[in-house]
Amino acid sequence: VAVIISGDRVNYADSVKGRFTISRDNDKNTVYLQMN
């Protein structure tokens, strides 16, 4: 669906581009997927 590499590089499946956003909170060691 989506991947975030190291600091900030991201990649999305074509089917979710423009709708989903992946992000990462390094302080919380947590990755998020916002799905709209």
Full PDB file with SEQRES, HELIX, SHEET, SSBOND, CRYST1, ORIGX, SCALE, CONECT and MASTER records, all heavy atoms in Angstrom:
SEQRES   1 A   36  VAL ALA VAL ILE ILE SER GLY ASP ARG VAL ASN TYR ALA          
SEQRES   2 A   36  ASP SER VAL LYS GLY ARG PHE THR ILE SER ARG ASP ASN          
SEQRES   3 A   36  ASP LYS ASN THR VAL TYR LEU GLN MET ASN                      
HELIX    1 AA1 ASP A   14  VAL A   16  5                                   3    
SHEET    1 AA1 2 ALA A   2  ILE A   5  0                                        
SHEET    2 AA1 2 ARG A   9  TYR A  12 -1                                        
SHEET    1 AA2 2 PHE A  20  ASP A  25  0                                        
SHEET    2 AA2 2 THR A  30  MET A  35 -1                                        
CRYST1    1.000    1.000    1.000  90.00  90.00  90.00 P 1           1          
ORIGX1      1.000000  0.000000  0.000000        0.00000                         
ORIGX2      0.000000  1.000000  0.000000        0.00000                         
ORIGX3      0.000000  0.000000  1.000000        0.00000                         
SCALE1      1.000000  0.000000  0.000000        0.00000                         
SCALE2      0.000000  1.000000  0.000000        0.00000                         
SCALE3      0.000000  0.000000  1.000000        0.00000                         
ATOM      1  N   VAL A   1       0.831  -1.194   0.000  1.00  0.00           N  
ATOM      2  CA  VAL A   1       0.000   0.000   0.000  1.00  0.00           C  
ATOM      3  C   VAL A   1       0.868   1.247   0.000  1.00  0.00           C  
ATOM      4  O   VAL A   1       0.709   2.136  -0.839  1.00  0.00           O  
ATOM      5  CB  VAL A   1      -0.957   0.024   1.200  1.00  0.00           C  
ATOM      6  CG1 VAL A   1      -1.775   1.312   1.217  1.00  0.00           C  
ATOM      7  CG2 VAL A   1      -1.872  -1.195   1.169  1.00  0.00           C  
ATOM      8  N   ALA A   2       1.782   1.322   0.942  1.00  0.00           N  
ATOM      9  CA  ALA A   2       2.652   2.479   1.065  1.00  0.00           C  
ATOM     10  C   ALA A   2       3.871   2.098   1.875  1.00  0.00           C  
ATOM     11  O   ALA A   2       3.805   1.224   2.739  1.00  0.00           O  
ATOM     12  CB  ALA A   2       1.930   3.660   1.719  1.00  0.00           C  
ATOM     13  N   VAL A   3       4.976   2.756   1.602  1.00  0.00           N  
ATOM     14  CA  VAL A   3       6.204   2.515   2.342  1.00  0.00           C  
ATOM     15  C   VAL A   3       6.918   3.842   2.565  1.00  0.00           C  
ATOM     16  O   VAL A   3       6.864   4.740   1.714  1.00  0.00           O  
ATOM     17  CB  VAL A   3       7.120   1.505   1.611  1.00  0.00           C  
ATOM     18  CG1 VAL A   3       7.539   2.040   0.250  1.00  0.00           C  
ATOM     19  CG2 VAL A   3       8.335   1.153   2.454  1.00  0.00           C  
ATOM     20  N   ILE A   4       7.559   3.962   3.705  1.00  0.00           N  
ATOM     21  CA  ILE A   4       8.393   5.118   3.997  1.00  0.00           C  
ATOM     22  C   ILE A   4       9.762   4.589   4.357  1.00  0.00           C  
ATOM     23  O   ILE A   4       9.904   3.695   5.193  1.00  0.00           O  
ATOM     24  CB  ILE A   4       7.788   6.003   5.103  1.00  0.00           C  
ATOM     25  CG1 ILE A   4       8.640   7.256   5.305  1.00  0.00           C  
ATOM     26  CG2 ILE A   4       7.595   5.235   6.397  1.00  0.00           C  
ATOM     27  CD1 ILE A   4       7.928   8.341   6.110  1.00  0.00           C  
ATOM     28  N   ILE A   5      10.780   5.130   3.710  1.00  0.00           N  
ATOM     29  CA  ILE A   5      12.141   4.624   3.817  1.00  0.00           C  
ATOM     30  C   ILE A   5      12.999   5.626   4.561  1.00  0.00           C  
ATOM     31  O   ILE A   5      13.042   6.810   4.205  1.00  0.00           O  
ATOM     32  CB  ILE A   5      12.732   4.345   2.425  1.00  0.00           C  
ATOM     33  CG1 ILE A   5      11.873   3.317   1.697  1.00  0.00           C  
ATOM     34  CG2 ILE A   5      14.172   3.856   2.538  1.00  0.00           C  
ATOM     35  CD1 ILE A   5      12.265   3.108   0.260  1.00  0.00           C  
ATOM     36  N   SER A   6      13.668   5.126   5.573  1.00  0.00           N  
ATOM     37  CA  SER A   6      14.592   5.928   6.377  1.00  0.00           C  
ATOM     38  C   SER A   6      13.918   7.221   6.810  1.00  0.00           C  
ATOM     39  O   SER A   6      12.939   7.182   7.559  1.00  0.00           O  
ATOM     40  CB  SER A   6      15.889   6.185   5.608  1.00  0.00           C  
ATOM     41  OG  SER A   6      16.852   6.816   6.436  1.00  0.00           O  
ATOM     42  N   GLY A   7      14.431   8.343   6.315  1.00  0.00           N  
ATOM     43  CA  GLY A   7      13.915   9.615   6.759  1.00  0.00           C  
ATOM     44  C   GLY A   7      12.579  10.013   6.183  1.00  0.00           C  
ATOM     45  O   GLY A   7      11.600  10.188   6.920  1.00  0.00           O  
ATOM     46  N   ASP A   8      12.486  10.129   4.850  1.00  0.00           N  
ATOM     47  CA  ASP A   8      11.311  10.783   4.308  1.00  0.00           C  
ATOM     48  C   ASP A   8      10.860  10.297   2.937  1.00  0.00           C  
ATOM     49  O   ASP A   8       9.855  10.793   2.428  1.00  0.00           O  
ATOM     50  CB  ASP A   8      11.563  12.291   4.229  1.00  0.00           C  
ATOM     51  CG  ASP A   8      10.294  13.115   4.305  1.00  0.00           C  
ATOM     52  OD1 ASP A   8       9.287  12.622   4.856  1.00  0.00           O  
ATOM     53  OD2 ASP A   8      10.295  14.251   3.823  1.00  0.00           O  
ATOM     54  N   ARG A   9      11.561   9.373   2.316  1.00  0.00           N  
ATOM     55  CA  ARG A   9      11.155   8.896   1.001  1.00  0.00           C  
ATOM     56  C   ARG A   9       9.944   7.988   1.117  1.00  0.00           C  
ATOM     57  O   ARG A   9       9.909   7.089   1.962  1.00  0.00           O  
ATOM     58  CB  ARG A   9      12.298   8.150   0.311  1.00  0.00           C  
ATOM     59  CG  ARG A   9      12.078   7.950  -1.174  1.00  0.00           C  
ATOM     60  CD  ARG A   9      13.260   7.237  -1.797  1.00  0.00           C  
ATOM     61  NE  ARG A   9      13.102   5.795  -1.734  1.00  0.00           N  
ATOM     62  CZ  ARG A   9      14.045   4.914  -2.052  1.00  0.00           C  
ATOM     63  NH1 ARG A   9      15.237   5.336  -2.430  1.00  0.00           N  
ATOM     64  NH2 ARG A   9      13.799   3.626  -1.972  1.00  0.00           N  
ATOM     65  N   VAL A  10       8.955   8.208   0.269  1.00  0.00           N  
ATOM     66  CA  VAL A  10       7.714   7.447   0.333  1.00  0.00           C  
ATOM     67  C   VAL A  10       7.367   6.891  -1.034  1.00  0.00           C  
ATOM     68  O   VAL A  10       7.788   7.407  -2.072  1.00  0.00           O  
ATOM     69  CB  VAL A  10       6.542   8.297   0.868  1.00  0.00           C  
ATOM     70  CG1 VAL A  10       6.827   8.782   2.278  1.00  0.00           C  
ATOM     71  CG2 VAL A  10       6.282   9.483  -0.052  1.00  0.00           C  
ATOM     72  N   ASN A  11       6.590   5.835  -1.028  1.00  0.00           N  
ATOM     73  CA  ASN A  11       6.113   5.219  -2.249  1.00  0.00           C  
ATOM     74  C   ASN A  11       4.717   4.675  -1.996  1.00  0.00           C  
ATOM     75  O   ASN A  11       4.452   4.122  -0.924  1.00  0.00           O  
ATOM     76  CB  ASN A  11       7.049   4.101  -2.708  1.00  0.00           C  
ATOM     77  CG  ASN A  11       6.684   3.554  -4.070  1.00  0.00           C  
ATOM     78  OD1 ASN A  11       6.331   4.297  -4.975  1.00  0.00           O  
ATOM     79  ND2 ASN A  11       6.780   2.235  -4.224  1.00  0.00           N  
ATOM     80  N   TYR A  12       3.834   4.819  -2.985  1.00  0.00           N  
ATOM     81  CA  TYR A  12       2.451   4.397  -2.853  1.00  0.00           C  
ATOM     82  C   TYR A  12       2.042   3.503  -4.005  1.00  0.00           C  
ATOM     83  O   TYR A  12       2.525   3.645  -5.128  1.00  0.00           O  
ATOM     84  CB  TYR A  12       1.506   5.598  -2.838  1.00  0.00           C  
ATOM     85  CG  TYR A  12       1.691   6.547  -1.686  1.00  0.00           C  
ATOM     86  CD1 TYR A  12       2.475   7.686  -1.820  1.00  0.00           C  
ATOM     87  CD2 TYR A  12       1.072   6.306  -0.463  1.00  0.00           C  
ATOM     88  CE1 TYR A  12       2.643   8.562  -0.772  1.00  0.00           C  
ATOM     89  CE2 TYR A  12       1.238   7.185   0.593  1.00  0.00           C  
ATOM     90  CZ  TYR A  12       2.020   8.307   0.438  1.00  0.00           C  
ATOM     91  OH  TYR A  12       2.177   9.176   1.488  1.00  0.00           O  
ATOM     92  N   ALA A  13       1.129   2.599  -3.710  1.00  0.00           N  
ATOM     93  CA  ALA A  13       0.466   1.877  -4.781  1.00  0.00           C  
ATOM     94  C   ALA A  13      -0.370   2.841  -5.604  1.00  0.00           C  
ATOM     95  O   ALA A  13      -0.928   3.810  -5.080  1.00  0.00           O  
ATOM     96  CB  ALA A  13      -0.419   0.773  -4.207  1.00  0.00           C  
ATOM     97  N   ASP A  14      -0.450   2.578  -6.909  1.00  0.00           N  
ATOM     98  CA  ASP A  14      -1.206   3.466  -7.783  1.00  0.00           C  
ATOM     99  C   ASP A  14      -2.661   3.611  -7.332  1.00  0.00           C  
ATOM    100  O   ASP A  14      -3.263   4.683  -7.477  1.00  0.00           O  
ATOM    101  CB  ASP A  14      -1.168   2.958  -9.223  1.00  0.00           C  
ATOM    102  CG  ASP A  14       0.194   3.126  -9.867  1.00  0.00           C  
ATOM    103  OD1 ASP A  14       1.001   3.939  -9.373  1.00  0.00           O  
ATOM    104  OD2 ASP A  14       0.459   2.444 -10.874  1.00  0.00           O  
ATOM    105  N   SER A  15      -3.214   2.562  -6.778  1.00  0.00           N  
ATOM    106  CA  SER A  15      -4.619   2.566  -6.408  1.00  0.00           C  
ATOM    107  C   SER A  15      -4.943   3.488  -5.237  1.00  0.00           C  
ATOM    108  O   SER A  15      -6.110   3.822  -5.020  1.00  0.00           O  
ATOM    109  CB  SER A  15      -5.085   1.147  -6.077  1.00  0.00           C  
ATOM    110  OG  SER A  15      -4.345   0.607  -5.004  1.00  0.00           O  
ATOM    111  N   VAL A  16      -3.931   3.908  -4.487  1.00  0.00           N  
ATOM    112  CA  VAL A  16      -4.182   4.740  -3.313  1.00  0.00           C  
ATOM    113  C   VAL A  16      -3.560   6.118  -3.418  1.00  0.00           C  
ATOM    114  O   VAL A  16      -3.755   6.947  -2.517  1.00  0.00           O  
ATOM    115  CB  VAL A  16      -3.701   4.052  -2.021  1.00  0.00           C  
ATOM    116  CG1 VAL A  16      -4.305   2.658  -1.898  1.00  0.00           C  
ATOM    117  CG2 VAL A  16      -2.178   3.987  -1.975  1.00  0.00           C  
ATOM    118  N   LYS A  17      -2.827   6.389  -4.483  1.00  0.00           N  
ATOM    119  CA  LYS A  17      -2.205   7.693  -4.637  1.00  0.00           C  
ATOM    120  C   LYS A  17      -3.257   8.793  -4.634  1.00  0.00           C  
ATOM    121  O   LYS A  17      -4.286   8.692  -5.294  1.00  0.00           O  
ATOM    122  CB  LYS A  17      -1.396   7.748  -5.932  1.00  0.00           C  
ATOM    123  CG  LYS A  17      -0.108   6.952  -5.892  1.00  0.00           C  
ATOM    124  CD  LYS A  17       0.661   7.064  -7.205  1.00  0.00           C  
ATOM    125  CE  LYS A  17       1.964   6.280  -7.157  1.00  0.00           C  
ATOM    126  NZ  LYS A  17       2.691   6.326  -8.443  1.00  0.00           N  
ATOM    127  N   GLY A  18      -2.973   9.843  -3.894  1.00  0.00           N  
ATOM    128  CA  GLY A  18      -3.899  10.948  -3.780  1.00  0.00           C  
ATOM    129  C   GLY A  18      -4.935  10.780  -2.700  1.00  0.00           C  
ATOM    130  O   GLY A  18      -5.636  11.743  -2.369  1.00  0.00           O  
ATOM    131  N   ARG A  19      -5.054   9.584  -2.150  1.00  0.00           N  
ATOM    132  CA  ARG A  19      -6.038   9.328  -1.101  1.00  0.00           C  
ATOM    133  C   ARG A  19      -5.388   8.960   0.238  1.00  0.00           C  
ATOM    134  O   ARG A  19      -5.901   9.329   1.286  1.00  0.00           O  
ATOM    135  CB  ARG A  19      -6.988   8.207  -1.515  1.00  0.00           C  
ATOM    136  CG  ARG A  19      -7.787   8.508  -2.776  1.00  0.00           C  
ATOM    137  CD  ARG A  19      -8.855   7.451  -3.018  1.00  0.00           C  
ATOM    138  NE  ARG A  19      -8.270   6.130  -3.272  1.00  0.00           N  
ATOM    139  CZ  ARG A  19      -8.504   5.052  -2.531  1.00  0.00           C  
ATOM    140  NH1 ARG A  19      -9.312   5.126  -1.478  1.00  0.00           N  
ATOM    141  NH2 ARG A  19      -7.941   3.886  -2.836  1.00  0.00           N  
ATOM    142  N   PHE A  20      -4.292   8.219   0.184  1.00  0.00           N  
ATOM    143  CA  PHE A  20      -3.622   7.751   1.395  1.00  0.00           C  
ATOM    144  C   PHE A  20      -2.325   8.518   1.595  1.00  0.00           C  
ATOM    145  O   PHE A  20      -1.653   8.900   0.631  1.00  0.00           O  
ATOM    146  CB  PHE A  20      -3.294   6.262   1.306  1.00  0.00           C  
ATOM    147  CG  PHE A  20      -4.486   5.337   1.322  1.00  0.00           C  
ATOM    148  CD1 PHE A  20      -5.781   5.818   1.246  1.00  0.00           C  
ATOM    149  CD2 PHE A  20      -4.285   3.971   1.424  1.00  0.00           C  
ATOM    150  CE1 PHE A  20      -6.868   4.962   1.257  1.00  0.00           C  
ATOM    151  CE2 PHE A  20      -5.361   3.103   1.440  1.00  0.00           C  
ATOM    152  CZ  PHE A  20      -6.653   3.590   1.357  1.00  0.00           C  
ATOM    153  N   THR A  21      -1.951   8.699   2.847  1.00  0.00           N  
ATOM    154  CA  THR A  21      -0.703   9.346   3.197  1.00  0.00           C  
ATOM    155  C   THR A  21      -0.021   8.571   4.309  1.00  0.00           C  
ATOM    156  O   THR A  21      -0.626   8.319   5.354  1.00  0.00           O  
ATOM    157  CB  THR A  21      -0.922  10.796   3.649  1.00  0.00           C  
ATOM    158  OG1 THR A  21      -1.590  11.537   2.624  1.00  0.00           O  
ATOM    159  CG2 THR A  21       0.419  11.462   3.947  1.00  0.00           C  
ATOM    160  N   ILE A  22       1.229   8.198   4.075  1.00  0.00           N  
ATOM    161  CA  ILE A  22       2.010   7.532   5.101  1.00  0.00           C  
ATOM    162  C   ILE A  22       2.929   8.551   5.758  1.00  0.00           C  
ATOM    163  O   ILE A  22       3.468   9.439   5.093  1.00  0.00           O  
ATOM    164  CB  ILE A  22       2.813   6.346   4.522  1.00  0.00           C  
ATOM    165  CG1 ILE A  22       3.463   5.527   5.647  1.00  0.00           C  
ATOM    166  CG2 ILE A  22       3.847   6.803   3.508  1.00  0.00           C  
ATOM    167  CD1 ILE A  22       4.074   4.218   5.173  1.00  0.00           C  
ATOM    168  N   SER A  23       3.089   8.433   7.052  1.00  0.00           N  
ATOM    169  CA  SER A  23       3.959   9.332   7.791  1.00  0.00           C  
ATOM    170  C   SER A  23       4.580   8.585   8.959  1.00  0.00           C  
ATOM    171  O   SER A  23       4.150   7.491   9.318  1.00  0.00           O  
ATOM    172  CB  SER A  23       3.195  10.572   8.275  1.00  0.00           C  
ATOM    173  OG  SER A  23       2.148  10.209   9.157  1.00  0.00           O  
ATOM    174  N   ARG A  24       5.583   9.208   9.540  1.00  0.00           N  
ATOM    175  CA  ARG A  24       6.325   8.558  10.616  1.00  0.00           C  
ATOM    176  C   ARG A  24       6.657   9.564  11.696  1.00  0.00           C  
ATOM    177  O   ARG A  24       7.084  10.678  11.414  1.00  0.00           O  
ATOM    178  CB  ARG A  24       7.600   7.929  10.041  1.00  0.00           C  
ATOM    179  CG  ARG A  24       8.379   7.050  10.992  1.00  0.00           C  
ATOM    180  CD  ARG A  24       9.500   6.357  10.234  1.00  0.00           C  
ATOM    181  NE  ARG A  24      10.235   5.413  11.062  1.00  0.00           N  
ATOM    182  CZ  ARG A  24      11.185   4.605  10.613  1.00  0.00           C  
ATOM    183  NH1 ARG A  24      11.509   4.617   9.325  1.00  0.00           N  
ATOM    184  NH2 ARG A  24      11.810   3.776  11.441  1.00  0.00           N  
ATOM    185  N   ASP A  25       6.460   9.139  12.927  1.00  0.00           N  
ATOM    186  CA  ASP A  25       6.832   9.930  14.088  1.00  0.00           C  
ATOM    187  C   ASP A  25       8.003   9.216  14.744  1.00  0.00           C  
ATOM    188  O   ASP A  25       7.813   8.217  15.443  1.00  0.00           O  
ATOM    189  CB  ASP A  25       5.659  10.078  15.056  1.00  0.00           C  
ATOM    190  CG  ASP A  25       5.969  11.018  16.200  1.00  0.00           C  
ATOM    191  OD1 ASP A  25       7.146  11.191  16.546  1.00  0.00           O  
ATOM    192  OD2 ASP A  25       5.012  11.594  16.760  1.00  0.00           O  
ATOM    193  N   ASN A  26       9.196   9.707  14.505  1.00  0.00           N  
ATOM    194  CA  ASN A  26      10.384   9.035  15.016  1.00  0.00           C  
ATOM    195  C   ASN A  26      10.463   9.056  16.542  1.00  0.00           C  
ATOM    196  O   ASN A  26      10.975   8.112  17.149  1.00  0.00           O  
ATOM    197  CB  ASN A  26      11.641   9.673  14.419  1.00  0.00           C  
ATOM    198  CG  ASN A  26      11.781   9.419  12.948  1.00  0.00           C  
ATOM    199  OD1 ASN A  26      11.390   8.368  12.447  1.00  0.00           O  
ATOM    200  ND2 ASN A  26      12.356  10.376  12.225  1.00  0.00           N  
ATOM    201  N   ASP A  27       9.973  10.113  17.147  1.00  0.00           N  
ATOM    202  CA  ASP A  27      10.009  10.199  18.603  1.00  0.00           C  
ATOM    203  C   ASP A  27       9.138   9.127  19.243  1.00  0.00           C  
ATOM    204  O   ASP A  27       9.456   8.628  20.326  1.00  0.00           O  
ATOM    205  CB  ASP A  27       9.562  11.577  19.070  1.00  0.00           C  
ATOM    206  CG  ASP A  27      10.546  12.663  18.689  1.00  0.00           C  
ATOM    207  OD1 ASP A  27      11.734  12.353  18.496  1.00  0.00           O  
ATOM    208  OD2 ASP A  27      10.119  13.833  18.596  1.00  0.00           O  
ATOM    209  N   LYS A  28       8.047   8.774  18.585  1.00  0.00           N  
ATOM    210  CA  LYS A  28       7.132   7.773  19.108  1.00  0.00           C  
ATOM    211  C   LYS A  28       7.352   6.392  18.496  1.00  0.00           C  
ATOM    212  O   LYS A  28       6.652   5.446  18.862  1.00  0.00           O  
ATOM    213  CB  LYS A  28       5.686   8.198  18.876  1.00  0.00           C  
ATOM    214  CG  LYS A  28       5.294   9.476  19.592  1.00  0.00           C  
ATOM    215  CD  LYS A  28       3.838   9.825  19.329  1.00  0.00           C  
ATOM    216  CE  LYS A  28       3.425  11.080  20.064  1.00  0.00           C  
ATOM    217  NZ  LYS A  28       1.997  11.430  19.801  1.00  0.00           N  
ATOM    218  N   ASN A  29       8.296   6.281  17.560  1.00  0.00           N  
ATOM    219  CA  ASN A  29       8.544   5.018  16.862  1.00  0.00           C  
ATOM    220  C   ASN A  29       7.254   4.454  16.278  1.00  0.00           C  
ATOM    221  O   ASN A  29       6.965   3.256  16.392  1.00  0.00           O  
ATOM    222  CB  ASN A  29       9.201   4.009  17.797  1.00  0.00           C  
ATOM    223  CG  ASN A  29      10.550   4.465  18.297  1.00  0.00           C  
ATOM    224  OD1 ASN A  29      11.370   4.973  17.525  1.00  0.00           O  
ATOM    225  ND2 ASN A  29      10.803   4.287  19.584  1.00  0.00           N  
ATOM    226  N   THR A  30       6.507   5.311  15.639  1.00  0.00           N  
ATOM    227  CA  THR A  30       5.200   4.954  15.123  1.00  0.00           C  
ATOM    228  C   THR A  30       5.061   5.425  13.683  1.00  0.00           C  
ATOM    229  O   THR A  30       5.485   6.537  13.342  1.00  0.00           O  
ATOM    230  CB  THR A  30       4.086   5.569  15.979  1.00  0.00           C  
ATOM    231  OG1 THR A  30       4.210   5.105  17.333  1.00  0.00           O  
ATOM    232  CG2 THR A  30       2.713   5.187  15.454  1.00  0.00           C  
ATOM    233  N   VAL A  31       4.469   4.579  12.855  1.00  0.00           N  
ATOM    234  CA  VAL A  31       4.163   4.933  11.483  1.00  0.00           C  
ATOM    235  C   VAL A  31       2.646   4.969  11.336  1.00  0.00           C  
ATOM    236  O   VAL A  31       1.932   4.166  11.946  1.00  0.00           O  
ATOM    237  CB  VAL A  31       4.813   3.960  10.476  1.00  0.00           C  
ATOM    238  CG1 VAL A  31       4.243   2.553  10.618  1.00  0.00           C  
ATOM    239  CG2 VAL A  31       4.655   4.465   9.055  1.00  0.00           C  
ATOM    240  N   TYR A  32       2.164   5.904  10.533  1.00  0.00           N  
ATOM    241  CA  TYR A  32       0.741   6.107  10.362  1.00  0.00           C  
ATOM    242  C   TYR A  32       0.358   5.953   8.899  1.00  0.00           C  
ATOM    243  O   TYR A  32       1.167   6.157   7.996  1.00  0.00           O  
ATOM    244  CB  TYR A  32       0.330   7.504  10.826  1.00  0.00           C  
ATOM    245  CG  TYR A  32       0.694   7.821  12.252  1.00  0.00           C  
ATOM    246  CD1 TYR A  32       1.890   8.479  12.549  1.00  0.00           C  
ATOM    247  CD2 TYR A  32      -0.138   7.470  13.302  1.00  0.00           C  
ATOM    248  CE1 TYR A  32       2.230   8.776  13.851  1.00  0.00           C  
ATOM    249  CE2 TYR A  32       0.196   7.764  14.607  1.00  0.00           C  
ATOM    250  CZ  TYR A  32       1.379   8.417  14.877  1.00  0.00           C  
ATOM    251  OH  TYR A  32       1.711   8.712  16.177  1.00  0.00           O  
ATOM    252  N   LEU A  33      -0.884   5.605   8.692  1.00  0.00           N  
ATOM    253  CA  LEU A  33      -1.461   5.608   7.360  1.00  0.00           C  
ATOM    254  C   LEU A  33      -2.796   6.332   7.436  1.00  0.00           C  
ATOM    255  O   LEU A  33      -3.765   5.796   7.977  1.00  0.00           O  
ATOM    256  CB  LEU A  33      -1.648   4.192   6.821  1.00  0.00           C  
ATOM    257  CG  LEU A  33      -2.145   4.103   5.378  1.00  0.00           C  
ATOM    258  CD1 LEU A  33      -1.076   4.618   4.409  1.00  0.00           C  
ATOM    259  CD2 LEU A  33      -2.541   2.673   5.018  1.00  0.00           C  
ATOM    260  N   GLN A  34      -2.824   7.545   6.917  1.00  0.00           N  
ATOM    261  CA  GLN A  34      -4.055   8.309   6.840  1.00  0.00           C  
ATOM    262  C   GLN A  34      -4.771   7.936   5.556  1.00  0.00           C  
ATOM    263  O   GLN A  34      -4.220   8.104   4.465  1.00  0.00           O  
ATOM    264  CB  GLN A  34      -3.767   9.813   6.868  1.00  0.00           C  
ATOM    265  CG  GLN A  34      -5.008  10.691   6.760  1.00  0.00           C  
ATOM    266  CD  GLN A  34      -5.903  10.577   7.959  1.00  0.00           C  
ATOM    267  OE1 GLN A  34      -5.434  10.629   9.099  1.00  0.00           O  
ATOM    268  NE2 GLN A  34      -7.202  10.406   7.726  1.00  0.00           N  
ATOM    269  N   MET A  35      -5.981   7.439   5.675  1.00  0.00           N  
ATOM    270  CA  MET A  35      -6.743   6.949   4.544  1.00  0.00           C  
ATOM    271  C   MET A  35      -7.987   7.817   4.381  1.00  0.00           C  
ATOM    272  O   MET A  35      -8.864   7.826   5.245  1.00  0.00           O  
ATOM    273  CB  MET A  35      -7.133   5.483   4.728  1.00  0.00           C  
ATOM    274  CG  MET A  35      -5.941   4.563   4.974  1.00  0.00           C  
ATOM    275  SD  MET A  35      -6.409   2.814   5.068  1.00  0.00           S  
ATOM    276  CE  MET A  35      -7.390   2.834   6.572  1.00  0.00           C  
ATOM    277  N   ASN A  36      -8.041   8.532   3.278  1.00  0.00           N  
ATOM    278  CA  ASN A  36      -9.172   9.384   2.960  1.00  0.00           C  
ATOM    279  C   ASN A  36      -9.854   8.882   1.695  1.00  0.00           C  
ATOM    280  O   ASN A  36      -9.256   8.179   0.885  1.00  0.00           O  
ATOM    281  CB  ASN A  36      -8.724  10.838   2.759  1.00  0.00           C  
ATOM    282  CG  ASN A  36      -8.109  11.443   3.993  1.00  0.00           C  
ATOM    283  OD1 ASN A  36      -8.513  11.158   5.116  1.00  0.00           O  
ATOM    284  ND2 ASN A  36      -7.115  12.311   3.782  1.00  0.00           N  
TER     285      ASN A  36                                                      
MASTER        0    0    0    1    4    0    0    6  284    1    0    3          
END                                                                             
